Amino acid sequence: MSAALRAGTFTIRPLDPLSDAELLHGWVTHPKAAYWMMQGARLEEVERAYMEIAADPHHHALLGLRDGEPAFLMEKYDPAHRELVGLYDPEPGDVGMHFLVPPTDTPVHGFTRAVITAVMGHLFEDPATHRVVVEPDVSNKAVHALNEVVGFVPDREIDKPEKRALLSFCTREQFFTSQSSRSPAARGVTV
């Protein structure tokens, strides 16, 4: 998957839990990644966590690259088997998603919006994906606003073991409608 953006060109590749662990450790333990819930994790713990994901047929970690350089982390999972088991009734074609944009000293306006747009586009490249499901912390207002921009509609608050979450859904149609209603310049897409 590749998306041309004013912020650069994104590609997405499978995460290598061994060679990418040091990079991820810096991202997931940073204070700005508090919602990732890995503050204080040692390098070995991050490596182990992503090795477990790599071995899980229902959970996948991917690394997003900007012009060939690591720029974001995304995870996709089957909510019928991970994260949301027993918390809602999954439908065929549901895919769960998490994404993390690491902090930077040189922020690019609209970059995080471009990332979530690329993540959603990647998920919907699979014709079997009909709806994306997210469950961010209810207090994470920044991600709620980003989710809304790409078409997510909040459903309800749910209690997970680690947090109170806002269960939200975005169908393929909602995503593409959200993108068509914004100008290419507003989406950061080069045409």
Protein backbone atom coordinates (compact mmCIF):
# COMPACT_ATOMS: atom_id res chain seq x y z
CA MET A 1 0.00 0.00 0.00
CA SER A 2 1.35 3.38 -0.91
CA ALA A 3 -0.22 6.78 -0.44
CA ALA A 4 1.33 9.97 -1.82
CA LEU A 5 1.07 12.83 0.65
CA ARG A 6 2.45 16.30 1.07
CA ALA A 7 4.08 14.78 4.14
CA GLY A 8 5.81 12.15 1.97
CA THR A 9 4.94 8.75 0.59
CA PHE A 10 3.71 6.02 2.95
CA THR A 11 4.25 2.31 2.55
CA ILE A 12 3.28 -0.38 5.05
CA ARG A 13 5.24 -3.56 5.76
CA PRO A 14 5.00 -6.36 8.33
CA LEU A 15 6.76 -5.55 11.59
CA ASP A 16 9.86 -7.59 12.41
CA PRO A 17 9.68 -8.05 16.20
CA LEU A 18 13.42 -8.60 16.51
CA SER A 19 14.92 -5.97 14.22
CA ASP A 20 12.21 -3.35 14.95
CA ALA A 21 12.04 -3.83 18.75
CA GLU A 22 14.52 -1.09 19.65
CA LEU A 23 12.72 1.45 17.47
CA LEU A 24 9.33 0.42 18.90
CA HIS A 25 10.63 0.53 22.45
CA GLY A 26 11.40 4.23 22.06
CA TRP A 27 7.96 4.86 20.61
CA VAL A 28 5.72 2.85 22.95
CA THR A 29 7.45 3.90 26.19
CA HIS A 30 7.48 7.62 25.40
CA PRO A 31 5.24 9.70 27.70
CA LYS A 32 3.16 10.83 24.70
CA ALA A 33 2.29 7.16 24.03
CA ALA A 34 0.53 6.75 27.38
CA TYR A 35 -2.58 5.28 25.76
CA TRP A 36 -0.42 2.46 24.34
CA MET A 37 -0.05 1.32 27.97
CA MET A 38 3.61 0.22 27.74
CA GLN A 39 5.22 2.96 29.86
CA GLY A 40 8.09 1.46 31.78
CA ALA A 41 8.36 -1.63 29.54
CA ARG A 42 11.89 -2.93 29.04
CA LEU A 43 13.23 -3.60 25.54
CA GLU A 44 12.87 -7.35 26.08
CA GLU A 45 9.21 -6.90 27.07
CA VAL A 46 8.44 -4.93 23.91
CA GLU A 47 10.24 -7.54 21.82
CA ARG A 48 8.32 -10.34 23.53
CA ALA A 49 4.97 -8.57 23.10
CA TYR A 50 5.51 -8.18 19.35
CA MET A 51 6.83 -11.73 18.99
CA GLU A 52 3.53 -12.89 20.54
CA ILE A 53 1.62 -10.78 18.02
CA ALA A 54 3.72 -12.18 15.15
CA ALA A 55 2.81 -15.72 16.26
CA ASP A 56 -0.91 -14.91 16.58
CA PRO A 57 -3.05 -15.69 13.50
CA HIS A 58 -5.69 -13.19 14.72
CA HIS A 59 -3.39 -10.20 15.39
CA HIS A 60 -0.86 -8.48 13.11
CA ALA A 61 1.59 -5.62 13.64
CA LEU A 62 2.72 -3.49 10.70
CA LEU A 63 5.23 -0.69 10.37
CA GLY A 64 4.36 2.38 8.33
CA LEU A 65 7.19 4.03 6.47
CA ARG A 66 7.37 7.63 5.26
CA ASP A 67 9.67 7.90 2.27
CA GLY A 68 11.23 4.60 3.39
CA GLU A 69 11.79 5.66 7.03
CA PRO A 70 9.78 4.26 9.98
CA ALA A 71 6.94 6.68 10.72
CA PHE A 72 4.09 4.84 12.48
CA LEU A 73 2.92 1.57 13.95
CA MET A 74 -0.38 -0.08 13.16
CA GLU A 75 -2.01 -3.21 14.46
CA LYS A 76 -4.97 -5.03 13.01
CA TYR A 77 -6.82 -7.82 14.76
CA ASP A 78 -9.86 -10.04 14.48
CA PRO A 79 -12.27 -8.68 17.12
CA ALA A 80 -14.08 -12.02 17.23
CA HIS A 81 -10.88 -13.52 18.70
CA ARG A 82 -8.93 -10.61 20.29
CA GLU A 83 -9.51 -7.41 22.25
CA LEU A 84 -13.32 -7.30 22.05
CA VAL A 85 -14.39 -10.90 22.66
CA GLY A 86 -17.71 -10.82 24.50
CA LEU A 87 -17.96 -7.01 24.42
CA TYR A 88 -19.97 -6.67 21.20
CA ASP A 89 -21.40 -8.90 18.48
CA PRO A 90 -18.84 -8.97 15.65
CA GLU A 91 -20.05 -9.06 12.07
CA PRO A 92 -18.36 -10.85 9.16
CA GLY A 93 -15.71 -8.53 7.75
CA ASP A 94 -14.99 -6.68 11.01
CA VAL A 95 -11.34 -5.76 11.58
CA GLY A 96 -10.00 -4.14 14.75
CA MET A 97 -7.30 -1.49 14.48
CA HIS A 98 -4.79 0.45 16.60
CA PHE A 99 -2.24 2.96 15.35
CA LEU A 100 0.57 4.94 16.94
CA VAL A 101 2.40 7.95 15.57
CA PRO A 102 5.60 8.54 17.54
CA PRO A 103 6.41 12.00 18.90
CA THR A 104 8.68 14.19 16.83
CA ASP A 105 10.70 17.38 17.24
CA THR A 106 9.65 18.46 13.75
CA PRO A 107 5.88 18.00 13.45
CA VAL A 108 4.27 18.15 10.00
CA HIS A 109 0.80 19.73 9.93
CA GLY A 110 -1.81 17.07 9.07
CA PHE A 111 0.64 14.18 9.41
CA THR A 112 -1.38 12.15 11.94
CA ARG A 113 -4.52 12.65 9.85
CA ALA A 114 -2.59 11.43 6.81
CA VAL A 115 -1.43 8.39 8.80
CA ILE A 116 -4.91 7.32 9.92
CA THR A 117 -6.15 7.84 6.36
CA ALA A 118 -3.36 5.59 5.05
CA VAL A 119 -4.10 2.99 7.75
CA MET A 120 -7.79 2.92 6.85
CA GLY A 121 -7.02 2.78 3.14
CA HIS A 122 -4.70 -0.17 3.78
CA LEU A 123 -7.36 -2.02 5.78
CA PHE A 124 -10.01 -1.46 3.11
CA GLU A 125 -7.68 -2.66 0.34
CA ASP A 126 -8.70 -6.12 1.55
CA PRO A 127 -12.11 -6.80 -0.04
CA ALA A 128 -13.01 -8.99 2.96
CA THR A 129 -12.88 -5.93 5.26
CA HIS A 130 -16.35 -4.42 5.55
CA ARG A 131 -16.04 -2.50 8.80
CA VAL A 132 -13.19 -1.27 11.02
CA VAL A 133 -13.68 -1.39 14.80
CA VAL A 134 -11.78 0.72 17.31
CA GLU A 135 -11.90 0.96 21.09
CA PRO A 136 -9.84 3.97 22.20
CA ASP A 137 -9.80 5.17 25.79
CA VAL A 138 -12.82 7.42 26.41
CA SER A 139 -10.48 10.21 27.55
CA ASN A 140 -8.42 10.19 24.33
CA LYS A 141 -10.26 13.11 22.71
CA ALA A 142 -7.55 13.67 20.08
CA VAL A 143 -7.99 10.19 18.60
CA HIS A 144 -11.79 10.50 18.78
CA ALA A 145 -11.54 13.61 16.57
CA LEU A 146 -9.21 11.82 14.13
CA ASN A 147 -11.53 8.82 14.03
CA GLU A 148 -14.46 11.08 13.17
CA VAL A 149 -12.50 12.65 10.28
CA VAL A 150 -12.10 9.25 8.59
CA GLY A 151 -15.72 8.21 9.11
CA PHE A 152 -15.93 6.46 12.49
CA VAL A 153 -19.22 6.67 14.34
CA PRO A 154 -19.20 6.10 18.12
CA ASP A 155 -21.48 3.29 19.25
CA ARG A 156 -21.16 3.14 23.03
CA GLU A 157 -18.74 3.08 25.95
CA ILE A 158 -17.54 -0.35 27.05
CA ASP A 159 -15.47 -1.60 29.95
CA LYS A 160 -12.31 -3.47 28.99
CA PRO A 161 -9.96 -4.90 31.62
CA GLU A 162 -7.43 -2.10 31.07
CA LYS A 163 -9.70 0.88 30.30
CA ARG A 164 -13.09 2.41 29.68
CA ALA A 165 -13.30 2.54 25.89
CA LEU A 166 -15.39 4.20 23.21
CA LEU A 167 -16.48 1.45 20.81
CA SER A 168 -16.70 2.96 17.33
CA PHE A 169 -17.26 1.62 13.83
CA CYS A 170 -16.41 2.75 10.31
CA THR A 171 -17.81 0.96 7.29
CA ARG A 172 -16.10 0.97 3.92
CA GLU A 173 -18.79 3.38 2.67
CA GLN A 174 -18.36 5.74 5.63
CA PHE A 175 -14.60 5.87 5.07
CA PHE A 176 -14.82 6.56 1.34
CA THR A 177 -17.59 9.12 1.89
CA SER A 178 -15.43 10.91 4.46
CA GLN A 179 -12.59 11.06 1.95
CA SER A 180 -14.67 12.19 -1.01
CA SER A 181 -16.18 15.00 1.04
CA ARG A 182 -12.72 16.50 1.63
CA SER A 183 -10.68 18.15 -1.06
CA PRO A 184 -7.43 16.43 -2.10
CA ALA A 185 -5.46 19.30 -0.52
CA ALA A 186 -7.33 18.92 2.78
CA ARG A 187 -6.58 15.19 2.76
CA GLY A 188 -2.91 15.92 2.07
CA VAL A 189 -3.09 13.76 -1.04
CA THR A 190 -1.07 14.62 -4.11
CA VAL A 191 -3.12 14.27 -7.29
